[in-house]
Amino acid sequence: MILYHGSFVVVEQPDLLHSRPNVDFGKGFYVTPIYEQAEKWCSRFKRRGKDGIVSQYVFDEGAYKDLKVLTFDAYSEDWLDFILNCRRGQDGTDYDFVVGGVANDKVFNTVELFFDGLIDKAEAIHRLQYEKPNLQMAFRTEKALSYLKFKGSERV
């Protein structure tokens, strides 16, 4: 499977050291099988005057049998609960690899409204759904990253 990562630099050796905490699926190296989504991830760097670089990887799908994987097939309460825990810094799980939908750009406002009790989970899920297809994959351990091989990159 071919996967893409959007950044401002070429990432030949993905690692966990440069990962941000408290994001959708916790600290990890994030990729997508959707090229256009990786391009979009680059846009935040380009707005800051940096380059947009999409790095490409080959993922050995045999990893699924060797890794502890969590997959969200749809936006659901379980998906939202997982994201809320990760964004709160309260993720106590030991998943190697997490796959699921992306919470959209309104996530911070929506999460705050939910935390403040102004909207319920159903409304939060509705607000967080993307209109276009999307998918993110978080490699959360070195073991998971060992199944990802750099193929190349391009400036976008």
N, C-alpha and C. Protein backbone atom coordinates (compact mmCIF):
# COMPACT_ATOMS: atom_id res chain seq x y z
N MET A 1 0.85 -1.17 0.00
CA MET A 1 0.00 0.00 0.00
C MET A 1 0.90 1.24 0.00
N ILE A 2 0.55 2.24 -0.80
CA ILE A 2 1.29 3.49 -0.85
C ILE A 2 0.62 4.50 0.11
N LEU A 3 1.43 5.15 0.94
CA LEU A 3 0.97 6.14 1.90
C LEU A 3 1.74 7.44 1.73
N TYR A 4 1.14 8.55 2.15
CA TYR A 4 1.71 9.88 1.95
C TYR A 4 1.73 10.66 3.26
N HIS A 5 2.77 11.50 3.38
CA HIS A 5 2.91 12.38 4.54
C HIS A 5 3.18 13.80 4.04
N GLY A 6 2.39 14.75 4.51
CA GLY A 6 2.58 16.15 4.11
C GLY A 6 3.37 16.91 5.16
N SER A 7 4.41 17.62 4.72
CA SER A 7 5.28 18.36 5.63
C SER A 7 5.93 19.52 4.88
N PHE A 8 6.93 20.14 5.51
CA PHE A 8 7.71 21.19 4.86
C PHE A 8 9.13 20.69 4.57
N VAL A 9 9.39 19.43 4.93
CA VAL A 9 10.69 18.80 4.68
C VAL A 9 10.46 17.38 4.16
N VAL A 10 11.47 16.83 3.52
CA VAL A 10 11.46 15.42 3.15
C VAL A 10 11.66 14.61 4.42
N VAL A 11 10.85 13.58 4.60
CA VAL A 11 10.98 12.73 5.79
C VAL A 11 11.34 11.32 5.33
N GLU A 12 12.66 11.09 5.22
CA GLU A 12 13.13 9.78 4.78
C GLU A 12 13.06 8.75 5.90
N GLN A 13 13.32 9.21 7.12
CA GLN A 13 13.33 8.31 8.28
C GLN A 13 12.27 8.77 9.28
N PRO A 14 11.03 8.34 9.12
CA PRO A 14 9.99 8.75 10.07
C PRO A 14 10.37 8.34 11.49
N ASP A 15 10.06 9.20 12.44
CA ASP A 15 10.33 8.88 13.84
C ASP A 15 9.20 9.43 14.71
N LEU A 16 9.27 9.12 15.98
CA LEU A 16 8.27 9.59 16.92
C LEU A 16 8.75 10.82 17.69
N LEU A 17 10.03 11.14 17.58
CA LEU A 17 10.59 12.28 18.31
C LEU A 17 9.98 13.61 17.89
N HIS A 18 9.64 13.74 16.62
CA HIS A 18 9.13 15.00 16.10
C HIS A 18 7.60 15.06 16.12
N SER A 19 6.98 14.09 16.75
CA SER A 19 5.52 14.03 16.80
C SER A 19 4.97 15.00 17.84
N ARG A 20 3.82 15.55 17.51
CA ARG A 20 3.15 16.43 18.46
C ARG A 20 2.25 15.59 19.37
N PRO A 21 2.21 15.94 20.63
CA PRO A 21 1.28 15.24 21.53
C PRO A 21 -0.13 15.83 21.38
N ASN A 22 -1.09 15.16 21.94
CA ASN A 22 -2.46 15.67 22.04
C ASN A 22 -3.10 15.99 20.68
N VAL A 23 -2.88 15.12 19.70
CA VAL A 23 -3.56 15.24 18.41
C VAL A 23 -4.55 14.07 18.29
N ASP A 24 -5.25 13.98 17.17
CA ASP A 24 -6.38 13.05 17.02
C ASP A 24 -6.13 11.66 17.58
N PHE A 25 -5.09 11.00 17.14
CA PHE A 25 -4.82 9.62 17.57
C PHE A 25 -3.59 9.53 18.45
N GLY A 26 -3.22 10.63 19.09
CA GLY A 26 -2.08 10.64 19.98
C GLY A 26 -0.77 10.86 19.25
N LYS A 27 0.29 10.82 20.00
CA LYS A 27 1.62 11.04 19.44
C LYS A 27 1.93 9.92 18.45
N GLY A 28 2.36 10.32 17.26
CA GLY A 28 2.65 9.33 16.23
C GLY A 28 3.06 9.99 14.93
N PHE A 29 3.42 9.17 13.97
CA PHE A 29 3.76 9.64 12.63
C PHE A 29 2.52 9.40 11.77
N TYR A 30 1.96 10.49 11.22
CA TYR A 30 0.68 10.44 10.52
C TYR A 30 0.86 10.41 9.01
N VAL A 31 0.12 9.52 8.37
CA VAL A 31 0.12 9.39 6.91
C VAL A 31 -1.31 9.17 6.46
N THR A 32 -1.48 9.19 5.14
CA THR A 32 -2.78 8.93 4.52
C THR A 32 -2.57 8.20 3.20
N PRO A 33 -3.52 7.36 2.80
CA PRO A 33 -3.43 6.76 1.47
C PRO A 33 -3.98 7.69 0.38
N ILE A 34 -4.44 8.88 0.76
CA ILE A 34 -5.05 9.82 -0.17
C ILE A 34 -4.06 10.96 -0.45
N TYR A 35 -3.50 10.97 -1.66
CA TYR A 35 -2.48 11.96 -2.01
C TYR A 35 -2.98 13.39 -1.79
N GLU A 36 -4.21 13.68 -2.22
CA GLU A 36 -4.76 15.04 -2.12
C GLU A 36 -4.84 15.50 -0.66
N GLN A 37 -5.06 14.58 0.23
CA GLN A 37 -5.11 14.92 1.65
C GLN A 37 -3.72 15.32 2.15
N ALA A 38 -2.70 14.60 1.72
CA ALA A 38 -1.33 14.96 2.10
C ALA A 38 -0.96 16.33 1.55
N GLU A 39 -1.40 16.61 0.32
CA GLU A 39 -1.19 17.95 -0.26
C GLU A 39 -1.84 19.02 0.61
N LYS A 40 -3.04 18.73 1.07
CA LYS A 40 -3.74 19.69 1.93
C LYS A 40 -2.99 19.89 3.24
N TRP A 41 -2.43 18.82 3.79
CA TRP A 41 -1.65 18.96 5.02
C TRP A 41 -0.47 19.90 4.81
N CYS A 42 0.06 19.93 3.59
CA CYS A 42 1.18 20.83 3.27
C CYS A 42 0.76 22.30 3.28
N SER A 43 -0.50 22.55 3.04
CA SER A 43 -0.94 23.95 2.88
C SER A 43 -0.69 24.79 4.13
N ARG A 44 -0.75 24.19 5.31
CA ARG A 44 -0.48 24.99 6.53
C ARG A 44 0.97 25.46 6.58
N PHE A 45 1.88 24.69 6.02
CA PHE A 45 3.29 25.10 5.97
C PHE A 45 3.49 26.16 4.89
N LYS A 46 2.83 25.96 3.77
CA LYS A 46 2.96 26.92 2.67
C LYS A 46 2.43 28.30 3.06
N ARG A 47 1.37 28.33 3.89
CA ARG A 47 0.84 29.61 4.37
C ARG A 47 1.86 30.35 5.23
N ARG A 48 2.78 29.62 5.81
CA ARG A 48 3.84 30.21 6.65
C ARG A 48 5.11 30.49 5.86
N GLY A 49 5.02 30.35 4.52
CA GLY A 49 6.17 30.65 3.68
C GLY A 49 7.17 29.51 3.53
N LYS A 50 6.81 28.33 3.98
CA LYS A 50 7.70 27.17 3.86
C LYS A 50 7.32 26.35 2.63
N ASP A 51 8.17 25.40 2.30
CA ASP A 51 7.88 24.49 1.20
C ASP A 51 6.79 23.51 1.62
N GLY A 52 6.11 22.97 0.64
CA GLY A 52 5.20 21.86 0.85
C GLY A 52 5.81 20.62 0.23
N ILE A 53 6.06 19.61 1.03
CA ILE A 53 6.70 18.39 0.55
C ILE A 53 5.82 17.19 0.91
N VAL A 54 5.48 16.40 -0.10
CA VAL A 54 4.76 15.16 0.14
C VAL A 54 5.77 14.02 0.01
N SER A 55 5.96 13.31 1.12
CA SER A 55 6.82 12.12 1.11
C SER A 55 5.94 10.90 0.90
N GLN A 56 6.48 9.94 0.18
CA GLN A 56 5.73 8.73 -0.18
C GLN A 56 6.40 7.51 0.43
N TYR A 57 5.58 6.57 0.89
CA TYR A 57 6.08 5.37 1.55
C TYR A 57 5.34 4.14 1.05
N VAL A 58 6.02 3.01 1.15
CA VAL A 58 5.38 1.72 0.93
C VAL A 58 5.16 1.12 2.31
N PHE A 59 3.92 0.70 2.55
CA PHE A 59 3.56 0.10 3.83
C PHE A 59 3.31 -1.38 3.62
N ASP A 60 4.00 -2.19 4.39
CA ASP A 60 3.83 -3.64 4.34
C ASP A 60 2.57 -4.00 5.13
N GLU A 61 1.50 -4.33 4.41
CA GLU A 61 0.23 -4.63 5.07
C GLU A 61 0.26 -5.90 5.90
N GLY A 62 1.32 -6.67 5.80
CA GLY A 62 1.51 -7.82 6.69
C GLY A 62 1.64 -7.38 8.14
N ALA A 63 1.89 -6.10 8.33
CA ALA A 63 2.02 -5.55 9.68
C ALA A 63 0.75 -5.73 10.49
N TYR A 64 -0.39 -5.77 9.83
CA TYR A 64 -1.66 -5.89 10.56
C TYR A 64 -1.69 -7.11 11.47
N LYS A 65 -1.03 -8.19 11.06
CA LYS A 65 -1.05 -9.39 11.89
C LYS A 65 -0.05 -9.31 13.04
N ASP A 66 0.94 -8.42 12.94
CA ASP A 66 1.99 -8.32 13.95
C ASP A 66 1.82 -7.15 14.92
N LEU A 67 0.92 -6.23 14.59
CA LEU A 67 0.77 -5.01 15.39
C LEU A 67 -0.56 -4.99 16.12
N LYS A 68 -0.60 -4.24 17.19
CA LYS A 68 -1.87 -3.98 17.88
C LYS A 68 -2.50 -2.79 17.17
N VAL A 69 -3.58 -3.03 16.43
CA VAL A 69 -4.20 -2.05 15.54
C VAL A 69 -5.60 -1.69 16.03
N LEU A 70 -5.90 -0.40 15.99
CA LEU A 70 -7.25 0.09 16.26
C LEU A 70 -7.74 0.76 14.99
N THR A 71 -8.90 0.32 14.49
CA THR A 71 -9.45 0.87 13.26
C THR A 71 -10.86 1.40 13.53
N PHE A 72 -11.09 2.63 13.11
CA PHE A 72 -12.42 3.22 13.15
C PHE A 72 -12.94 3.25 11.72
N ASP A 73 -13.99 2.48 11.44
CA ASP A 73 -14.55 2.40 10.10
C ASP A 73 -15.52 3.54 9.80
N ALA A 74 -15.93 4.25 10.85
CA ALA A 74 -16.88 5.35 10.68
C ALA A 74 -16.73 6.33 11.84
N TYR A 75 -17.27 7.52 11.66
CA TYR A 75 -17.36 8.46 12.77
C TYR A 75 -18.38 7.90 13.75
N SER A 76 -17.98 7.77 15.00
CA SER A 76 -18.85 7.14 15.99
C SER A 76 -18.51 7.72 17.37
N GLU A 77 -19.28 7.31 18.37
CA GLU A 77 -18.96 7.73 19.73
C GLU A 77 -17.60 7.19 20.16
N ASP A 78 -17.29 5.95 19.77
CA ASP A 78 -15.97 5.38 20.12
C ASP A 78 -14.85 6.21 19.51
N TRP A 79 -15.01 6.60 18.24
CA TRP A 79 -14.02 7.44 17.54
C TRP A 79 -13.86 8.76 18.29
N LEU A 80 -14.98 9.41 18.60
CA LEU A 80 -14.93 10.69 19.30
C LEU A 80 -14.30 10.55 20.68
N ASP A 81 -14.68 9.51 21.43
CA ASP A 81 -14.10 9.31 22.76
C ASP A 81 -12.59 9.14 22.68
N PHE A 82 -12.13 8.38 21.67
CA PHE A 82 -10.69 8.16 21.51
C PHE A 82 -9.98 9.48 21.22
N ILE A 83 -10.54 10.27 20.30
CA ILE A 83 -9.94 11.56 19.96
C ILE A 83 -9.94 12.49 21.17
N LEU A 84 -11.03 12.53 21.89
CA LEU A 84 -11.10 13.40 23.08
C LEU A 84 -10.04 13.01 24.10
N ASN A 85 -9.88 11.71 24.35
CA ASN A 85 -8.85 11.27 25.29
C ASN A 85 -7.45 11.63 24.82
N CYS A 86 -7.20 11.43 23.52
CA CYS A 86 -5.87 11.76 22.97
C CYS A 86 -5.62 13.26 23.07
N ARG A 87 -6.59 14.07 22.71
CA ARG A 87 -6.42 15.53 22.74
C ARG A 87 -6.32 16.07 24.15
N ARG A 88 -6.87 15.35 25.12
CA ARG A 88 -6.74 15.74 26.53
C ARG A 88 -5.41 15.27 27.12
N GLY A 89 -4.69 14.45 26.36
CA GLY A 89 -3.45 13.87 26.88
C GLY A 89 -3.73 12.72 27.84
N GLN A 90 -4.88 12.07 27.68
CA GLN A 90 -5.30 11.01 28.60
C GLN A 90 -5.43 9.66 27.90
N ASP A 91 -4.68 9.45 26.84
CA ASP A 91 -4.74 8.18 26.13
C ASP A 91 -3.84 7.18 26.84
N GLY A 92 -4.43 6.19 27.46
CA GLY A 92 -3.66 5.17 28.16
C GLY A 92 -3.54 3.88 27.38
N THR A 93 -3.87 3.91 26.09
CA THR A 93 -3.84 2.68 25.29
C THR A 93 -2.42 2.42 24.76
N ASP A 94 -2.22 1.19 24.31
CA ASP A 94 -0.90 0.81 23.79
C ASP A 94 -0.96 0.36 22.34
N TYR A 95 -1.84 0.96 21.56
CA TYR A 95 -1.93 0.61 20.15
C TYR A 95 -0.67 1.02 19.41
N ASP A 96 -0.22 0.14 18.51
CA ASP A 96 0.93 0.45 17.65
C ASP A 96 0.51 1.35 16.49
N PHE A 97 -0.74 1.16 16.04
CA PHE A 97 -1.19 1.74 14.78
C PHE A 97 -2.68 2.03 14.91
N VAL A 98 -3.08 3.27 14.56
CA VAL A 98 -4.50 3.65 14.63
C VAL A 98 -4.91 4.20 13.28
N VAL A 99 -6.09 3.76 12.79
CA VAL A 99 -6.60 4.14 11.49
C VAL A 99 -8.02 4.68 11.65
N GLY A 100 -8.30 5.82 11.01
CA GLY A 100 -9.66 6.32 11.05
C GLY A 100 -9.79 7.68 10.41
N GLY A 101 -10.99 8.21 10.46
CA GLY A 101 -11.28 9.50 9.87
C GLY A 101 -10.58 10.65 10.58
N VAL A 102 -10.43 11.72 9.84
CA VAL A 102 -9.79 12.93 10.34
C VAL A 102 -10.85 13.83 10.96
N ALA A 103 -10.58 14.36 12.12
CA ALA A 103 -11.45 15.40 12.68
C ALA A 103 -11.11 16.69 11.93
N ASN A 104 -12.12 17.40 11.46
CA ASN A 104 -11.84 18.54 10.59
C ASN A 104 -11.30 19.76 11.33
N ASP A 105 -11.08 20.85 10.60
CA ASP A 105 -10.44 22.03 11.15
C ASP A 105 -11.23 22.69 12.27
N LYS A 106 -12.49 22.34 12.41
CA LYS A 106 -13.31 22.92 13.48
C LYS A 106 -13.16 22.14 14.78
N VAL A 107 -12.25 21.18 14.83
CA VAL A 107 -12.17 20.29 15.97
C VAL A 107 -11.97 21.03 17.29
N PHE A 108 -11.11 22.03 17.31
CA PHE A 108 -10.86 22.72 18.57
C PHE A 108 -12.12 23.38 19.11
N ASN A 109 -12.86 24.07 18.25
CA ASN A 109 -14.10 24.71 18.69
C ASN A 109 -15.12 23.66 19.13
N THR A 110 -15.25 22.61 18.36
CA THR A 110 -16.22 21.57 18.68
C THR A 110 -15.88 20.88 20.00
N VAL A 111 -14.61 20.54 20.19
CA VAL A 111 -14.19 19.89 21.44
C VAL A 111 -14.46 20.80 22.63
N GLU A 112 -14.17 22.09 22.48
CA GLU A 112 -14.44 23.04 23.57
C GLU A 112 -15.93 23.11 23.88
N LEU A 113 -16.76 23.16 22.86
CA LEU A 113 -18.21 23.18 23.07
C LEU A 113 -18.68 21.93 23.81
N PHE A 114 -18.10 20.77 23.44
CA PHE A 114 -18.46 19.53 24.10
C PHE A 114 -17.97 19.54 25.55
N PHE A 115 -16.71 19.92 25.77
CA PHE A 115 -16.17 19.96 27.14
C PHE A 115 -16.98 20.91 28.02
N ASP A 116 -17.47 22.00 27.44
CA ASP A 116 -18.24 22.98 28.21
C ASP A 116 -19.71 22.57 28.38
N GLY A 117 -20.09 21.41 27.82
CA GLY A 117 -21.45 20.92 27.97
C GLY A 117 -22.48 21.63 27.11
N LEU A 118 -22.01 22.34 26.08
CA LEU A 118 -22.94 23.10 25.24
C LEU A 118 -23.50 22.29 24.08
N ILE A 119 -22.82 21.18 23.72
CA ILE A 119 -23.34 20.26 22.71
C ILE A 119 -23.13 18.84 23.20
N ASP A 120 -23.93 17.90 22.69
CA ASP A 120 -23.77 16.50 23.07
C ASP A 120 -22.86 15.78 22.07
N LYS A 121 -22.60 14.50 22.32
CA LYS A 121 -21.71 13.74 21.45
C LYS A 121 -22.23 13.64 20.03
N ALA A 122 -23.52 13.43 19.87
CA ALA A 122 -24.08 13.30 18.52
C ALA A 122 -23.82 14.56 17.71
N GLU A 123 -24.01 15.73 18.32
CA GLU A 123 -23.76 16.99 17.62
C GLU A 123 -22.27 17.16 17.35
N ALA A 124 -21.44 16.77 18.30
CA ALA A 124 -19.98 16.89 18.11
C ALA A 124 -19.53 16.03 16.93
N ILE A 125 -20.01 14.80 16.84
CA ILE A 125 -19.65 13.91 15.73
C ILE A 125 -20.11 14.51 14.42
N HIS A 126 -21.32 15.01 14.38
CA HIS A 126 -21.84 15.64 13.17
C HIS A 126 -20.94 16.79 12.72
N ARG A 127 -20.52 17.63 13.65
CA ARG A 127 -19.69 18.79 13.30
C ARG A 127 -18.28 18.40 12.87
N LEU A 128 -17.78 17.26 13.34
CA LEU A 128 -16.40 16.87 13.06
C LEU A 128 -16.23 16.11 11.74
N GLN A 129 -17.29 15.69 11.14
CA GLN A 129 -17.19 14.90 9.91
C GLN A 129 -16.76 15.77 8.73
N TYR A 130 -15.89 15.23 7.94
CA TYR A 130 -15.47 15.86 6.70
C TYR A 130 -16.52 15.59 5.64
N GLU A 131 -16.63 16.49 4.69
CA GLU A 131 -17.53 16.24 3.58
C GLU A 131 -16.86 15.41 2.50
N LYS A 132 -15.56 15.51 2.40
CA LYS A 132 -14.81 14.73 1.41
C LYS A 132 -14.24 13.49 2.09
N PRO A 133 -14.04 12.42 1.33
CA PRO A 133 -13.42 11.23 1.92
C PRO A 133 -12.03 11.55 2.46
N ASN A 134 -11.70 10.98 3.60
CA ASN A 134 -10.40 11.18 4.21
C ASN A 134 -10.05 9.98 5.06
N LEU A 135 -8.78 9.84 5.37
CA LEU A 135 -8.32 8.76 6.23
C LEU A 135 -6.95 9.12 6.74
N GLN A 136 -6.75 8.93 8.02
CA GLN A 136 -5.42 9.12 8.59
C GLN A 136 -4.98 7.84 9.29
N MET A 137 -3.67 7.63 9.27
CA MET A 137 -3.08 6.47 9.91
C MET A 137 -1.96 6.97 10.79
N ALA A 138 -2.00 6.60 12.06
CA ALA A 138 -0.98 7.04 13.01
C ALA A 138 -0.11 5.85 13.40
N PHE A 139 1.16 5.95 13.06
CA PHE A 139 2.16 4.97 13.49
C PHE A 139 2.65 5.43 14.85
N ARG A 140 2.29 4.71 15.91
CA ARG A 140 2.51 5.19 17.28
C ARG A 140 3.69 4.53 17.98
N THR A 141 4.32 3.53 17.36
CA THR A 141 5.46 2.86 17.98
C THR A 141 6.56 2.65 16.94
N GLU A 142 7.76 2.44 17.44
CA GLU A 142 8.89 2.14 16.54
C GLU A 142 8.63 0.84 15.79
N LYS A 143 7.99 -0.11 16.46
CA LYS A 143 7.67 -1.39 15.80
C LYS A 143 6.78 -1.13 14.58
N ALA A 144 5.77 -0.29 14.74
CA ALA A 144 4.89 0.02 13.60
C ALA A 144 5.66 0.72 12.49
N LEU A 145 6.52 1.67 12.86
CA LEU A 145 7.30 2.40 11.86
C LEU A 145 8.22 1.49 11.05
N SER A 146 8.61 0.37 11.62
CA SER A 146 9.53 -0.54 10.91
C SER A 146 8.89 -1.13 9.65
N TYR A 147 7.57 -1.04 9.52
CA TYR A 147 6.86 -1.56 8.35
C TYR A 147 6.67 -0.49 7.26
N LEU A 148 7.22 0.68 7.48
CA LEU A 148 7.05 1.80 6.55
C LEU A 148 8.39 2.09 5.88
N LYS A 149 8.43 2.05 4.55
CA LYS A 149 9.67 2.25 3.80
C LYS A 149 9.54 3.45 2.88
N PHE A 150 10.49 4.38 3.00
CA PHE A 150 10.50 5.60 2.18
C PHE A 150 10.67 5.24 0.72
N LYS A 151 9.85 5.87 -0.14
CA LYS A 151 9.90 5.62 -1.58
C LYS A 151 10.38 6.85 -2.36
N GLY A 152 10.06 8.05 -1.85
CA GLY A 152 10.44 9.27 -2.54
C GLY A 152 9.63 10.45 -2.02
N SER A 153 9.88 11.62 -2.62
CA SER A 153 9.13 12.81 -2.21
C SER A 153 9.05 13.79 -3.37
N GLU A 154 8.14 14.76 -3.22
CA GLU A 154 8.03 15.81 -4.23
C GLU A 154 7.54 17.09 -3.59
N ARG A 155 7.97 18.20 -4.16
CA ARG A 155 7.51 19.52 -3.72
C ARG A 155 6.15 19.79 -4.38
N VAL A 156 5.22 20.30 -3.58
CA VAL A 156 3.88 20.60 -4.11
C VAL A 156 3.55 22.07 -3.96
